[in-house]
N, C-alpha and C. Protein backbone atom coordinates (compact mmCIF):
# COMPACT_ATOMS: atom_id res chain seq x y z
N MET A 1 16.75 3.69 17.68
CA MET A 1 15.48 3.23 18.23
C MET A 1 15.52 3.32 19.75
N THR A 2 14.40 3.67 20.30
CA THR A 2 14.24 3.76 21.74
C THR A 2 13.11 2.83 22.15
N LYS A 3 13.25 2.22 23.32
CA LYS A 3 12.18 1.39 23.86
C LYS A 3 11.66 2.03 25.14
N THR A 4 10.36 2.23 25.20
CA THR A 4 9.72 2.79 26.37
C THR A 4 8.71 1.77 26.89
N VAL A 5 8.73 1.52 28.19
CA VAL A 5 7.77 0.62 28.80
C VAL A 5 6.77 1.44 29.59
N LEU A 6 5.51 1.21 29.30
CA LEU A 6 4.43 1.91 29.98
C LEU A 6 3.70 0.97 30.92
N LYS A 7 3.34 1.48 32.08
CA LYS A 7 2.44 0.79 33.00
C LYS A 7 1.05 1.29 32.66
N VAL A 8 0.18 0.36 32.23
CA VAL A 8 -1.16 0.73 31.78
C VAL A 8 -2.18 0.20 32.78
N ASP A 9 -3.00 1.08 33.32
CA ASP A 9 -4.02 0.70 34.29
C ASP A 9 -5.37 0.53 33.60
N GLY A 10 -6.10 -0.52 34.01
CA GLY A 10 -7.46 -0.70 33.56
C GLY A 10 -7.69 -1.76 32.50
N MET A 11 -6.63 -2.31 31.93
CA MET A 11 -6.82 -3.35 30.92
C MET A 11 -7.22 -4.66 31.61
N SER A 12 -8.25 -5.32 31.06
CA SER A 12 -8.71 -6.56 31.68
C SER A 12 -8.87 -7.72 30.71
N CYS A 13 -8.64 -7.48 29.42
CA CYS A 13 -8.87 -8.54 28.44
C CYS A 13 -8.02 -8.32 27.19
N PRO A 14 -7.96 -9.33 26.33
CA PRO A 14 -7.21 -9.18 25.08
C PRO A 14 -7.73 -8.04 24.19
N MET A 15 -9.02 -7.77 24.24
CA MET A 15 -9.56 -6.65 23.44
C MET A 15 -9.00 -5.31 23.93
N CYS A 16 -8.79 -5.21 25.25
CA CYS A 16 -8.18 -4.00 25.81
C CYS A 16 -6.77 -3.84 25.24
N SER A 17 -6.02 -4.92 25.26
CA SER A 17 -4.65 -4.90 24.73
C SER A 17 -4.64 -4.47 23.28
N ALA A 18 -5.56 -5.02 22.49
CA ALA A 18 -5.62 -4.70 21.07
C ALA A 18 -5.92 -3.22 20.84
N LYS A 19 -6.80 -2.66 21.65
CA LYS A 19 -7.14 -1.24 21.51
C LYS A 19 -5.95 -0.35 21.84
N VAL A 20 -5.24 -0.68 22.92
CA VAL A 20 -4.05 0.08 23.30
C VAL A 20 -2.98 -0.04 22.22
N GLU A 21 -2.76 -1.26 21.74
CA GLU A 21 -1.76 -1.50 20.69
C GLU A 21 -2.09 -0.68 19.44
N LYS A 22 -3.34 -0.73 19.01
CA LYS A 22 -3.76 0.01 17.82
C LYS A 22 -3.48 1.50 17.97
N ASN A 23 -3.87 2.07 19.09
CA ASN A 23 -3.65 3.51 19.31
C ASN A 23 -2.18 3.87 19.34
N LEU A 24 -1.37 3.04 19.99
CA LEU A 24 0.06 3.34 20.05
C LEU A 24 0.71 3.24 18.67
N LEU A 25 0.29 2.27 17.87
CA LEU A 25 0.86 2.11 16.52
C LEU A 25 0.49 3.28 15.61
N GLU A 26 -0.56 4.01 15.94
CA GLU A 26 -0.96 5.17 15.14
C GLU A 26 -0.11 6.40 15.42
N VAL A 27 0.68 6.37 16.48
CA VAL A 27 1.55 7.51 16.81
C VAL A 27 2.73 7.52 15.84
N SER A 28 2.93 8.65 15.20
CA SER A 28 4.03 8.78 14.25
C SER A 28 5.37 8.54 14.93
N GLY A 29 6.17 7.64 14.36
CA GLY A 29 7.47 7.31 14.91
C GLY A 29 7.50 6.00 15.67
N VAL A 30 6.32 5.45 16.00
CA VAL A 30 6.26 4.17 16.69
C VAL A 30 6.44 3.07 15.66
N THR A 31 7.37 2.14 15.93
CA THR A 31 7.65 1.07 14.98
C THR A 31 7.10 -0.28 15.43
N SER A 32 6.99 -0.51 16.73
CA SER A 32 6.40 -1.76 17.21
C SER A 32 5.87 -1.59 18.62
N VAL A 33 4.88 -2.44 18.95
CA VAL A 33 4.24 -2.38 20.26
C VAL A 33 3.94 -3.81 20.71
N ALA A 34 4.22 -4.09 21.99
CA ALA A 34 3.83 -5.37 22.60
C ALA A 34 3.08 -5.04 23.88
N VAL A 35 1.83 -5.48 23.95
CA VAL A 35 0.98 -5.16 25.10
C VAL A 35 0.62 -6.45 25.83
N ASP A 36 0.71 -6.42 27.16
CA ASP A 36 0.34 -7.56 28.00
C ASP A 36 -0.69 -7.07 29.00
N HIS A 37 -1.98 -7.41 28.77
CA HIS A 37 -3.04 -6.92 29.65
C HIS A 37 -2.96 -7.55 31.04
N LYS A 38 -2.44 -8.76 31.15
CA LYS A 38 -2.35 -9.42 32.45
C LYS A 38 -1.34 -8.73 33.36
N ARG A 39 -0.26 -8.25 32.78
CA ARG A 39 0.77 -7.54 33.55
C ARG A 39 0.54 -6.03 33.55
N GLY A 40 -0.36 -5.56 32.69
CA GLY A 40 -0.62 -4.13 32.61
C GLY A 40 0.55 -3.35 32.05
N MET A 41 1.16 -3.91 31.01
CA MET A 41 2.37 -3.29 30.45
C MET A 41 2.25 -3.14 28.93
N ALA A 42 2.91 -2.13 28.42
CA ALA A 42 3.04 -1.93 26.98
C ALA A 42 4.48 -1.55 26.70
N ALA A 43 5.16 -2.33 25.86
CA ALA A 43 6.53 -2.02 25.45
C ALA A 43 6.47 -1.42 24.05
N VAL A 44 7.00 -0.22 23.90
CA VAL A 44 6.88 0.52 22.65
C VAL A 44 8.27 0.83 22.11
N THR A 45 8.53 0.42 20.87
CA THR A 45 9.78 0.76 20.20
C THR A 45 9.47 1.91 19.25
N HIS A 46 10.31 2.94 19.31
CA HIS A 46 10.00 4.15 18.53
C HIS A 46 11.25 4.95 18.24
N GLU A 47 11.05 5.95 17.37
CA GLU A 47 12.10 6.91 17.05
C GLU A 47 11.59 8.30 17.42
N ASN A 48 12.23 8.91 18.39
CA ASN A 48 11.96 10.31 18.76
C ASN A 48 10.50 10.61 19.07
N VAL A 49 9.85 9.75 19.84
CA VAL A 49 8.48 10.01 20.27
C VAL A 49 8.52 10.41 21.75
N LYS A 50 7.82 11.47 22.09
CA LYS A 50 7.78 11.94 23.47
C LYS A 50 6.91 11.01 24.31
N ASP A 51 7.30 10.85 25.57
CA ASP A 51 6.51 10.04 26.50
C ASP A 51 5.07 10.52 26.56
N GLU A 52 4.90 11.83 26.53
CA GLU A 52 3.56 12.42 26.62
C GLU A 52 2.66 11.97 25.47
N ASP A 53 3.26 11.79 24.28
CA ASP A 53 2.47 11.36 23.13
C ASP A 53 2.03 9.91 23.26
N LEU A 54 2.89 9.08 23.84
CA LEU A 54 2.54 7.68 24.08
C LEU A 54 1.42 7.59 25.13
N ILE A 55 1.58 8.36 26.19
CA ILE A 55 0.57 8.36 27.25
C ILE A 55 -0.77 8.88 26.72
N ALA A 56 -0.73 9.89 25.87
CA ALA A 56 -1.96 10.44 25.28
C ALA A 56 -2.67 9.39 24.42
N ALA A 57 -1.91 8.58 23.68
CA ALA A 57 -2.50 7.54 22.84
C ALA A 57 -3.21 6.49 23.70
N VAL A 58 -2.61 6.14 24.83
CA VAL A 58 -3.23 5.18 25.74
C VAL A 58 -4.49 5.79 26.36
N LEU A 59 -4.41 7.05 26.74
CA LEU A 59 -5.56 7.74 27.31
C LEU A 59 -6.71 7.79 26.30
N GLU A 60 -6.39 8.03 25.06
CA GLU A 60 -7.39 8.07 24.00
C GLU A 60 -8.07 6.70 23.83
N ALA A 61 -7.35 5.63 24.16
CA ALA A 61 -7.91 4.27 24.09
C ALA A 61 -8.80 3.98 25.30
N GLY A 62 -8.78 4.88 26.29
CA GLY A 62 -9.65 4.72 27.45
C GLY A 62 -8.96 4.19 28.70
N PHE A 63 -7.62 4.25 28.71
CA PHE A 63 -6.86 3.72 29.85
C PHE A 63 -5.87 4.76 30.34
N ARG A 64 -5.36 4.54 31.54
CA ARG A 64 -4.34 5.43 32.12
C ARG A 64 -2.97 4.77 31.97
N ALA A 65 -1.95 5.60 31.78
CA ALA A 65 -0.60 5.05 31.62
C ALA A 65 0.43 6.00 32.22
N LYS A 66 1.54 5.42 32.59
CA LYS A 66 2.71 6.20 33.00
C LYS A 66 3.93 5.42 32.57
N VAL A 67 5.03 6.13 32.41
CA VAL A 67 6.28 5.48 32.02
C VAL A 67 6.80 4.68 33.20
N LYS A 68 7.12 3.46 32.95
CA LYS A 68 7.66 2.59 33.99
C LYS A 68 9.14 2.92 34.14
N SER A 69 9.54 3.18 35.37
CA SER A 69 10.94 3.53 35.62
C SER A 69 11.56 2.49 36.54
N GLY A 70 12.76 2.10 36.24
CA GLY A 70 13.47 1.12 37.06
C GLY A 70 12.84 -0.25 36.99
N LEU A 71 13.31 -1.17 37.80
CA LEU A 71 12.83 -2.55 37.77
C LEU A 71 11.44 -2.69 38.33
N PHE A 72 11.08 -1.86 39.30
CA PHE A 72 9.81 -2.03 39.97
C PHE A 72 8.91 -0.82 39.84
N GLY A 73 9.27 0.14 38.96
CA GLY A 73 8.53 1.38 38.84
C GLY A 73 7.19 1.21 38.33
């Protein structure tokens, strides 16, 4: 299992979080998702999923995302 943390821009409410979570869970290989709209973060646990596929799922939900790198990335 791999854990990827995404920085998600544009989320402002719990409904935003739910939409991002739903889209990420639909990606084949994703096993769990935790989204925090206040911090603008999504933690995704998965098996062999490309970063681009995770970012595309967030984009499809109507938000922008990038892989968070390092402690402050």
